[in-house]
Amino acid sequence: MPTKPAEQRVDEWLSKQLCGLMDFEERSLGNSQDIKIIFLRSLTNSDTVNRFIVLPSYEMDLEAYEKYLSTFPGCEETQDKQQIMEFVLKGYIYIRIEDSSYLFDAMKIEYSGITSSITEAIVQGPNDALTENIEINMNLIRRRYQSKDLKVDAMTIGNVSKTTIAIMYDDTRVDGEVLKEIKSRLSQVSVDILQSAGELEKYISEHKYRIFPTTIVTERPDRVVFNLSEGKIAILMNTVGYAIIAPSVFNDFFTAMDDKIQLPLVGWFMKMIRYIGLFITVTLPAFYVAFTSYNPEILKVQITLLIAGSRAAVPYPSFVEVVFMLLMMEFLIEASLRLPKAIGPTATTVGGLILGQAATQAGLVSNIMIIIVSAVAISNFVIPLNMMAFTVRVLKYFLIFFAATFGLIGIVVSTVGVVMYLSGMRSFGKPYLKMFALDGSKGKGEKQNG
């Protein structure tokens, strides 16, 4: 008779499932080497492991140690593989003593060092932000994404800095070709010092000279988790409180985490508001230049006369007026970022009010120009991610130049040129103007077909 194959031991099965993870740890304890522990370093408390698991294994015999574990609070015996996997992914330690299996509660709860999100504030939802410790960041992400399919690959970049990089992805959802491409680009990065996510983002980008971002740099763990569930890849860096998400398309930069919390109609309305703000901040200064200098006949007579009366005392063309005021606004925004937080908001607010009032009274700019600059600044601030907000701040000068040169036709031509440029862009092979870079079902299908 053919013999029945021996059933795979729990520790062997668990080791096979978790092997390859950056934070995976497997050790044998005790003098007889009959004790084996398996855990994830990023989720477990090292002091608890050493004090209550490692040291007692050398101070007791095997029978006493097993009795010690069976009576220890927070430790239970089980042979259920799925339960063991579930609890190990929460921060428990799997302990095998001969043929017995135990789960020991050694969860690491990280509170110190975790601050609220600053650059990506939301109204509702979690406020914690990524830290400069990669282990804590993996802890924050794994607590929200408790799946055995969440893989973490590690590498080191920087000849001097030796910066640890963690590549996180869901093995069943990720696009295998995208993952292979990202790993290839990361392996080709050769620098001495790597200190920020922005630096790494530039090194792995396909085009060196570009204006639109193709990856998201975020400080929010909930945004990382959401994108992992969509089949995307997150890159974490040690000593950096930001993560890189790839691939990312145009629509991703106008999605706030509030959109997932609000009712569907409210979420769609808020996203529509952001796209309207994008249109206003990019085109409004260009339209002002075109209508005042080239095509005043398009507006109603009352509006044309209103603008002409407002600009009666202004001694130079509308193009100079617009650029002057927009540059003043850029100076105020930059000053608010660089000044100490105690005086920054006050200084820039007072400076903006005094500058606008004095410039209007002196006849250097029109009253309508003050309104337009304020509308442009406010519209730019509705974009939830700073990388796209900075891009939009630069893009409006491109349209102003064409409006000052060719009028309304220049705005149309430059807008079509920008859309054509975006249509040709790719984010790790994904069309940039696609609504969603990846989804779970597609990533899984591509991986299986590959």
Protein backbone atom coordinates (compact mmCIF):
# COMPACT_ATOMS: atom_id res chain seq x y z
CA MET A 1 0.00 0.00 0.00
CA PRO A 2 1.23 3.52 -0.76
CA THR A 3 2.12 5.39 2.38
CA LYS A 4 0.24 8.59 3.25
CA PRO A 5 2.48 11.67 3.01
CA ALA A 6 3.33 13.19 6.37
CA GLU A 7 1.36 16.33 7.19
CA GLN A 8 3.42 19.49 7.03
CA ARG A 9 4.23 20.88 10.47
CA VAL A 10 2.73 24.19 11.47
CA ASP A 11 6.07 25.96 11.88
CA GLU A 12 7.26 24.74 8.46
CA TRP A 13 4.02 25.89 6.83
CA LEU A 14 4.17 29.27 8.58
CA SER A 15 7.84 29.74 7.69
CA LYS A 16 7.08 28.98 4.05
CA GLN A 17 4.22 31.49 3.98
CA LEU A 18 6.21 34.33 5.56
CA CYS A 19 9.68 33.57 4.23
CA GLY A 20 11.16 36.44 2.26
CA LEU A 21 9.61 39.23 4.32
CA MET A 22 12.06 41.86 5.45
CA ASP A 23 10.87 41.73 9.09
CA PHE A 24 10.46 37.95 9.28
CA GLU A 25 12.29 36.28 12.18
CA GLU A 26 12.66 32.56 12.96
CA ARG A 27 14.81 31.25 15.80
CA SER A 28 15.43 28.09 17.82
CA LEU A 29 15.64 28.44 21.62
CA GLY A 30 16.64 26.37 24.61
CA ASN A 31 19.50 24.03 25.23
CA SER A 32 17.78 21.15 23.46
CA GLN A 33 16.81 23.23 20.40
CA ASP A 34 13.24 21.86 20.65
CA ILE A 35 11.73 25.33 20.92
CA LYS A 36 11.17 27.42 17.82
CA ILE A 37 9.69 30.90 17.60
CA ILE A 38 8.41 32.77 14.52
CA PHE A 39 7.36 36.44 14.49
CA LEU A 40 7.49 39.72 12.57
CA ARG A 41 9.92 42.21 14.11
CA SER A 42 7.98 45.28 13.02
CA LEU A 43 4.88 44.14 14.93
CA THR A 44 6.37 42.65 18.11
CA ASN A 45 7.89 44.19 21.20
CA SER A 46 11.54 43.12 21.43
CA ASP A 47 11.67 43.61 25.22
CA THR A 48 8.71 41.26 25.66
CA VAL A 49 10.37 38.66 23.44
CA ASN A 50 13.65 38.73 25.33
CA ARG A 51 12.21 38.95 28.84
CA PHE A 52 9.29 36.52 28.71
CA ILE A 53 10.21 34.09 25.92
CA VAL A 54 13.96 33.90 25.25
CA LEU A 55 15.41 34.10 28.79
CA PRO A 56 12.97 31.64 30.43
CA SER A 57 13.73 29.05 27.73
CA TYR A 58 17.31 28.81 29.02
CA GLU A 59 16.34 28.85 32.70
CA MET A 60 13.74 26.04 32.62
CA ASP A 61 13.58 22.52 31.31
CA LEU A 62 11.22 21.73 28.46
CA GLU A 63 8.32 20.53 30.60
CA ALA A 64 8.50 23.50 32.98
CA TYR A 65 8.76 25.96 30.08
CA GLU A 66 5.68 24.52 28.39
CA LYS A 67 3.73 24.72 31.63
CA TYR A 68 4.96 28.30 32.07
CA LEU A 69 3.60 29.28 28.65
CA SER A 70 0.28 27.49 29.10
CA THR A 71 -0.41 29.49 32.28
CA PHE A 72 0.94 32.82 31.07
CA PRO A 73 -1.75 35.50 30.49
CA GLY A 74 -2.06 36.34 26.82
CA CYS A 75 -0.74 32.98 25.64
CA GLU A 76 -2.93 30.23 24.20
CA GLU A 77 -2.41 26.84 22.61
CA THR A 78 -3.76 26.21 19.11
CA GLN A 79 -3.11 24.10 16.01
CA ASP A 80 -5.29 26.14 13.63
CA LYS A 81 -2.95 27.32 10.87
CA GLN A 82 -5.20 30.16 9.70
CA GLN A 83 -5.64 31.44 13.25
CA ILE A 84 -1.88 31.31 13.79
CA MET A 85 -1.25 33.25 10.57
CA GLU A 86 -3.89 35.83 11.51
CA PHE A 87 -2.42 36.46 14.96
CA VAL A 88 1.21 36.52 13.80
CA LEU A 89 0.21 39.28 11.36
CA LYS A 90 -1.21 41.18 14.36
CA GLY A 91 2.02 40.99 16.35
CA TYR A 92 1.75 37.68 18.21
CA ILE A 93 4.67 35.24 18.43
CA TYR A 94 4.27 31.66 17.29
CA ILE A 95 6.04 29.20 19.63
CA ARG A 96 6.50 25.50 18.85
CA ILE A 97 7.50 23.12 21.64
CA GLU A 98 7.89 19.64 20.15
CA ASP A 99 4.37 19.01 18.74
CA SER A 100 2.58 21.80 20.64
CA SER A 101 1.89 25.24 19.19
CA TYR A 102 1.36 28.45 21.19
CA LEU A 103 0.49 32.05 20.35
CA PHE A 104 2.10 34.60 22.67
CA ASP A 105 0.79 38.18 22.82
CA ALA A 106 3.81 40.46 22.21
CA MET A 107 2.16 43.16 20.13
CA LYS A 108 4.08 46.40 19.73
CA ILE A 109 1.87 49.43 20.22
CA GLU A 110 3.61 52.52 18.88
CA TYR A 111 2.44 55.82 20.31
CA SER A 112 5.54 57.87 21.01
CA GLY A 113 6.99 59.52 17.96
CA ILE A 114 3.76 59.27 15.94
CA THR A 115 2.43 62.73 15.18
CA SER A 116 -0.60 64.07 13.32
CA SER A 117 -0.51 64.55 9.58
CA ILE A 118 0.55 68.11 8.70
CA THR A 119 0.80 68.36 4.92
CA GLU A 120 -2.30 66.24 4.20
CA ALA A 121 -4.92 67.30 6.72
CA ILE A 122 -8.42 65.81 6.59
CA VAL A 123 -11.69 66.57 8.38
CA GLN A 124 -12.57 63.00 9.36
CA GLY A 125 -10.52 59.84 9.63
CA PRO A 126 -7.20 58.88 11.24
CA ASN A 127 -4.71 61.68 11.84
CA ASP A 128 -1.53 59.69 12.45
CA ALA A 129 1.37 60.21 10.08
CA LEU A 130 4.36 58.13 9.04
CA THR A 131 7.50 58.55 11.13
CA GLU A 132 11.22 58.44 10.37
CA ASN A 133 11.47 54.85 11.66
CA ILE A 134 10.76 52.26 8.98
CA GLU A 135 9.80 49.61 11.54
CA ILE A 136 7.14 51.89 13.03
CA ASN A 137 5.87 52.72 9.55
CA MET A 138 5.47 49.04 8.71
CA ASN A 139 3.67 48.63 12.03
CA LEU A 140 1.21 51.40 11.14
CA ILE A 141 0.55 49.87 7.73
CA ARG A 142 0.33 46.23 8.79
CA ARG A 143 -2.19 47.07 11.52
CA ARG A 144 -4.50 48.40 8.82
CA TYR A 145 -3.66 45.71 6.25
CA GLN A 146 -3.66 42.36 8.06
CA SER A 147 -3.07 40.01 5.17
CA LYS A 148 -0.50 37.29 4.59
CA ASP A 149 -0.32 38.47 0.99
CA LEU A 150 1.22 41.80 2.01
CA LYS A 151 4.86 41.28 1.09
CA VAL A 152 7.86 43.39 2.05
CA ASP A 153 11.12 43.28 0.11
CA ALA A 154 14.21 45.08 1.37
CA MET A 155 17.22 46.66 -0.26
CA THR A 156 19.88 49.23 0.63
CA ILE A 157 20.57 52.38 -1.39
CA GLY A 158 23.37 54.88 -0.79
CA ASN A 159 27.08 54.14 -0.78
CA VAL A 160 27.54 56.27 2.35
CA SER A 161 24.09 56.68 3.89
CA LYS A 162 23.19 52.96 3.54
CA THR A 163 19.50 53.85 3.55
CA THR A 164 17.16 50.90 4.04
CA ILE A 165 14.34 50.69 1.48
CA ALA A 166 11.21 48.57 1.96
CA ILE A 167 9.02 47.69 -1.02
CA MET A 168 5.49 46.79 0.11
CA TYR A 169 2.84 45.24 -2.13
CA ASP A 170 -0.07 42.80 -2.09
CA ASP A 171 1.16 39.72 -3.89
CA THR A 172 -2.32 38.82 -5.23
CA ARG A 173 -3.18 42.30 -6.52
CA VAL A 174 0.05 43.83 -7.77
CA ASP A 175 0.94 43.99 -11.45
CA GLY A 176 4.02 41.80 -11.83
CA GLU A 177 5.46 43.87 -14.66
CA VAL A 178 5.19 47.11 -12.67
CA LEU A 179 6.81 45.46 -9.64
CA LYS A 180 9.66 44.15 -11.77
CA GLU A 181 10.19 47.58 -13.33
CA ILE A 182 10.27 49.37 -9.96
CA LYS A 183 12.75 46.88 -8.51
CA SER A 184 14.92 47.24 -11.60
CA ARG A 185 14.99 51.05 -11.33
CA LEU A 186 15.72 50.93 -7.61
CA SER A 187 18.60 48.52 -8.15
CA GLN A 188 20.10 50.95 -10.68
CA VAL A 189 20.12 53.91 -8.28
CA SER A 190 23.74 54.72 -7.44
CA VAL A 191 24.21 57.65 -5.06
CA ASP A 192 26.30 58.36 -1.99
CA ILE A 193 23.63 60.00 0.16
CA LEU A 194 19.86 59.41 0.05
CA GLN A 195 17.91 61.43 2.60
CA SER A 196 14.40 62.11 1.26
CA ALA A 197 11.57 60.45 -0.61
CA GLY A 198 11.63 63.27 -3.17
CA GLU A 199 15.20 62.40 -4.12
CA LEU A 200 14.34 58.75 -4.61
CA GLU A 201 11.23 59.68 -6.61
CA LYS A 202 13.37 61.60 -9.09
CA TYR A 203 15.86 58.74 -9.43
CA ILE A 204 13.20 56.15 -10.30
CA SER A 205 11.14 58.38 -12.59
CA GLU A 206 11.16 57.60 -16.27
CA HIS A 207 11.77 61.19 -17.45
CA LYS A 208 14.28 63.45 -15.78
CA TYR A 209 12.83 66.72 -17.08
CA ARG A 210 9.09 66.77 -16.49
CA ILE A 211 6.58 69.00 -14.80
CA PHE A 212 3.87 66.55 -13.69
CA PRO A 213 4.56 64.01 -10.92
CA THR A 214 4.12 60.33 -11.75
CA THR A 215 4.34 59.01 -8.18
CA ILE A 216 2.65 60.11 -4.97
CA VAL A 217 4.78 61.11 -2.00
CA THR A 218 2.55 60.88 1.08
CA GLU A 219 2.85 60.96 4.85
CA ARG A 220 -0.49 59.24 5.52
CA PRO A 221 -0.48 55.49 6.31
CA ASP A 222 -4.18 55.23 5.43
CA ARG A 223 -3.45 56.51 1.91
CA VAL A 224 -0.68 53.91 1.62
CA VAL A 225 -3.04 51.15 2.73
CA PHE A 226 -5.77 52.25 0.32
CA ASN A 227 -3.35 52.23 -2.61
CA LEU A 228 -1.94 48.84 -1.61
CA SER A 229 -5.47 47.45 -1.78
CA GLU A 230 -5.72 48.91 -5.30
CA GLY A 231 -2.72 46.86 -6.41
CA LYS A 232 -0.12 49.62 -6.21
CA ILE A 233 3.33 49.52 -4.66
CA ALA A 234 4.55 51.51 -1.64
CA ILE A 235 8.22 52.33 -1.10
CA LEU A 236 9.25 53.16 2.46
CA MET A 237 12.57 54.68 3.47
CA ASN A 238 14.27 54.57 6.83
CA THR A 239 14.83 58.03 8.42
CA VAL A 240 12.09 59.48 6.16
CA GLY A 241 8.50 60.13 7.25
CA TYR A 242 7.09 59.78 3.75
CA ALA A 243 6.22 56.91 1.43
CA ILE A 244 6.28 56.74 -2.38
CA ILE A 245 3.27 55.21 -4.12
CA ALA A 246 3.55 53.97 -7.71
CA PRO A 247 2.13 53.88 -10.28
CA SER A 248 0.08 57.07 -9.87
CA VAL A 249 -2.12 58.74 -12.48
CA PHE A 250 -3.54 62.24 -12.80
CA ASN A 251 -6.78 61.45 -10.96
CA ASP A 252 -4.93 60.13 -7.89
CA PHE A 253 -3.56 63.58 -7.08
CA PHE A 254 -7.08 64.99 -6.72
CA THR A 255 -8.32 62.27 -4.38
CA ALA A 256 -8.43 63.10 -0.68
CA MET A 257 -8.95 60.45 1.98
CA ASP A 258 -12.11 62.30 3.01
CA ASP A 259 -13.69 61.17 -0.28
CA LYS A 260 -13.83 57.58 1.00
CA ILE A 261 -15.50 58.64 4.25
CA GLN A 262 -18.17 60.95 2.86
CA LEU A 263 -21.38 59.82 1.20
CA PRO A 264 -20.83 58.98 -2.49
CA LEU A 265 -22.56 62.08 -3.86
CA VAL A 266 -20.70 64.32 -1.42
CA GLY A 267 -17.37 62.69 -2.32
CA TRP A 268 -17.99 63.18 -6.05
CA PHE A 269 -18.98 66.79 -5.44
CA MET A 270 -15.79 67.49 -3.49
CA LYS A 271 -13.66 65.97 -6.25
CA MET A 272 -15.53 68.08 -8.83
CA ILE A 273 -14.76 71.16 -6.73
CA ARG A 274 -11.06 70.33 -6.92
CA TYR A 275 -11.14 70.00 -10.70
CA ILE A 276 -13.00 73.32 -10.95
CA GLY A 277 -10.32 74.84 -8.72
CA LEU A 278 -7.66 73.39 -11.05
CA PHE A 279 -9.34 75.03 -14.06
CA ILE A 280 -9.65 78.39 -12.29
CA THR A 281 -6.10 78.57 -10.96
CA VAL A 282 -4.58 77.58 -14.33
CA THR A 283 -6.73 79.58 -16.76
CA LEU A 284 -8.12 82.63 -14.90
CA PRO A 285 -4.94 84.81 -15.15
CA ALA A 286 -4.53 83.84 -18.81
CA PHE A 287 -8.15 84.73 -19.58
CA TYR A 288 -7.69 88.10 -17.86
CA VAL A 289 -4.70 88.89 -20.07
CA ALA A 290 -6.45 87.70 -23.23
CA PHE A 291 -9.69 89.60 -22.59
CA THR A 292 -8.06 92.87 -21.57
CA SER A 293 -5.35 93.01 -24.24
CA TYR A 294 -6.61 91.02 -27.26
CA ASN A 295 -10.26 89.94 -27.16
CA PRO A 296 -12.36 92.40 -25.13
CA GLU A 297 -15.26 91.98 -27.61
CA ILE A 298 -16.05 88.51 -26.24
CA LEU A 299 -17.21 89.89 -22.88
CA LYS A 300 -20.35 91.91 -22.28
CA VAL A 301 -20.01 95.65 -22.69
CA GLN A 302 -20.61 96.27 -18.98
CA ILE A 303 -17.83 93.88 -17.94
CA THR A 304 -15.45 95.32 -20.54
CA LEU A 305 -16.09 98.87 -19.33
CA LEU A 306 -15.71 97.75 -15.71
CA ILE A 307 -12.29 96.23 -16.40
CA ALA A 308 -11.22 99.24 -18.46
CA GLY A 309 -12.24 101.65 -15.69
CA SER A 310 -10.42 99.59 -13.09
CA ARG A 311 -7.23 99.62 -15.19
CA ALA A 312 -7.41 103.30 -16.16
CA ALA A 313 -4.58 104.30 -13.80
CA VAL A 314 -2.37 101.24 -14.47
CA PRO A 315 0.61 102.39 -16.61
CA TYR A 316 1.63 99.04 -18.17
CA PRO A 317 0.01 96.12 -20.05
CA SER A 318 -2.12 93.52 -18.31
CA PHE A 319 0.59 90.87 -18.84
CA VAL A 320 3.03 92.80 -16.63
CA GLU A 321 0.31 93.45 -14.07
CA VAL A 322 -0.63 89.77 -13.83
CA VAL A 323 2.96 88.51 -13.58
CA PHE A 324 3.83 91.14 -10.99
CA MET A 325 0.93 90.23 -8.69
CA LEU A 326 1.34 86.48 -9.14
CA LEU A 327 5.03 86.75 -8.27
CA MET A 328 4.14 88.75 -5.16
CA MET A 329 1.73 85.95 -4.20
CA GLU A 330 4.47 83.36 -4.79
CA PHE A 331 6.77 85.37 -2.51
CA LEU A 332 4.13 85.42 0.22
CA ILE A 333 3.53 81.65 -0.04
CA GLU A 334 7.26 80.92 0.03
CA ALA A 335 7.76 83.25 2.98
CA SER A 336 4.96 81.54 4.91
CA LEU A 337 6.79 78.22 4.42
CA ARG A 338 10.23 79.48 5.45
CA LEU A 339 9.42 81.81 8.33
CA PRO A 340 9.18 80.45 11.88
CA LYS A 341 5.71 79.08 12.60
CA ALA A 342 5.18 81.59 15.42
CA ILE A 343 5.33 84.62 13.11
CA GLY A 344 4.86 83.13 9.63
CA PRO A 345 1.03 83.33 9.30
CA THR A 346 0.83 86.79 10.86
CA ALA A 347 3.65 88.27 8.78
CA THR A 348 2.34 86.93 5.47
CA THR A 349 -1.29 87.89 6.17
CA VAL A 350 -0.40 91.44 7.17
CA GLY A 351 2.10 91.70 4.31
CA GLY A 352 -0.49 90.53 1.78
CA LEU A 353 -3.14 92.99 2.98
CA ILE A 354 -0.75 95.94 3.04
CA LEU A 355 0.74 95.03 -0.34
CA GLY A 356 -2.63 94.66 -2.05
CA GLN A 357 -4.12 97.83 -0.57
CA ALA A 358 -1.04 99.95 -1.27
CA ALA A 359 -0.63 98.66 -4.84
CA THR A 360 -4.28 99.44 -5.61
CA GLN A 361 -4.16 102.96 -4.18
CA ALA A 362 -0.90 103.71 -6.01
CA GLY A 363 -2.42 102.66 -9.33
CA LEU A 364 0.09 99.88 -9.90
CA VAL A 365 -2.63 97.20 -10.20
CA SER A 366 -6.38 97.21 -10.65
CA ASN A 367 -8.97 96.18 -8.08
CA ILE A 368 -10.08 93.31 -10.31
CA MET A 369 -6.50 92.03 -10.41
CA ILE A 370 -6.49 91.71 -6.61
CA ILE A 371 -9.68 89.62 -6.81
CA ILE A 372 -8.19 87.39 -9.52
CA VAL A 373 -4.96 86.78 -7.62
CA SER A 374 -6.90 85.88 -4.47
CA ALA A 375 -9.14 83.49 -6.43
CA VAL A 376 -6.12 81.86 -8.06
CA ALA A 377 -4.37 81.35 -4.71
CA ILE A 378 -7.48 79.93 -3.00
CA SER A 379 -8.20 77.62 -5.95
CA ASN A 380 -4.66 76.28 -5.87
CA PHE A 381 -4.97 75.37 -2.19
CA VAL A 382 -7.90 72.97 -2.79
CA ILE A 383 -5.54 70.45 -4.44
CA PRO A 384 -4.93 67.85 -1.70
CA LEU A 385 -1.38 66.79 -2.65
CA ASN A 386 1.44 69.33 -2.65
CA MET A 387 3.33 67.76 -5.56
CA MET A 388 0.47 68.53 -7.96
CA ALA A 389 -0.20 71.91 -6.30
CA PHE A 390 3.41 72.97 -7.00
CA THR A 391 3.07 71.80 -10.61
CA VAL A 392 -0.08 73.86 -11.09
CA ARG A 393 1.67 76.94 -9.66
CA VAL A 394 4.22 76.68 -12.47
CA LEU A 395 1.80 75.64 -15.22
CA LYS A 396 -0.28 78.85 -15.11
CA TYR A 397 2.70 80.94 -16.27
CA PHE A 398 2.88 78.77 -19.40
CA LEU A 399 -0.70 79.69 -20.31
CA ILE A 400 -0.14 83.37 -19.43
CA PHE A 401 2.77 83.55 -21.87
CA PHE A 402 0.68 82.17 -24.74
CA ALA A 403 -2.27 84.41 -23.80
CA ALA A 404 -0.01 87.48 -23.86
CA THR A 405 1.38 86.44 -27.26
CA PHE A 406 -1.66 85.15 -29.16
CA GLY A 407 -4.67 86.07 -27.03
CA LEU A 408 -7.56 83.64 -26.67
CA ILE A 409 -6.21 81.43 -29.47
CA GLY A 410 -2.99 81.06 -27.48
CA ILE A 411 -4.96 79.77 -24.47
CA VAL A 412 -6.75 77.19 -26.62
CA VAL A 413 -3.53 76.03 -28.31
CA SER A 414 -1.57 75.83 -25.03
CA THR A 415 -4.41 73.94 -23.30
CA VAL A 416 -4.57 71.42 -26.14
CA GLY A 417 -0.78 71.10 -25.95
CA VAL A 418 -0.93 70.33 -22.21
CA VAL A 419 -3.65 67.71 -22.75
CA MET A 420 -1.61 66.09 -25.53
CA TYR A 421 1.45 66.07 -23.27
CA LEU A 422 -0.55 64.39 -20.48
CA SER A 423 -2.01 61.87 -22.94
CA GLY A 424 1.49 60.76 -23.89
CA MET A 425 2.72 60.41 -20.30
CA ARG A 426 3.05 57.04 -18.60
CA SER A 427 3.48 56.12 -14.96
CA PHE A 428 5.41 52.84 -15.01
CA GLY A 429 3.57 51.85 -18.17
CA LYS A 430 0.11 53.05 -17.07
CA PRO A 431 -1.59 55.86 -19.08
CA TYR A 432 -1.43 59.06 -17.03
CA LEU A 433 -4.94 60.24 -17.89
CA LYS A 434 -6.51 56.92 -16.96
CA MET A 435 -8.95 57.28 -14.08
CA PHE A 436 -7.33 54.50 -12.04
CA ALA A 437 -3.79 53.17 -12.43
CA LEU A 438 -4.63 49.66 -11.24
CA ASP A 439 -7.41 47.73 -9.61
CA GLY A 440 -7.29 44.53 -7.62
CA SER A 441 -8.87 42.22 -10.19
CA LYS A 442 -6.69 43.44 -13.04
CA GLY A 443 -3.47 43.19 -11.05
CA LYS A 444 -4.31 39.63 -10.04
CA GLY A 445 -5.21 38.61 -13.57
CA GLU A 446 -2.05 40.09 -15.07
CA LYS A 447 0.07 38.37 -12.46
CA GLN A 448 -1.55 35.01 -13.13
CA ASN A 449 -1.24 35.39 -16.88
CA GLY A 450 2.40 36.37 -16.49
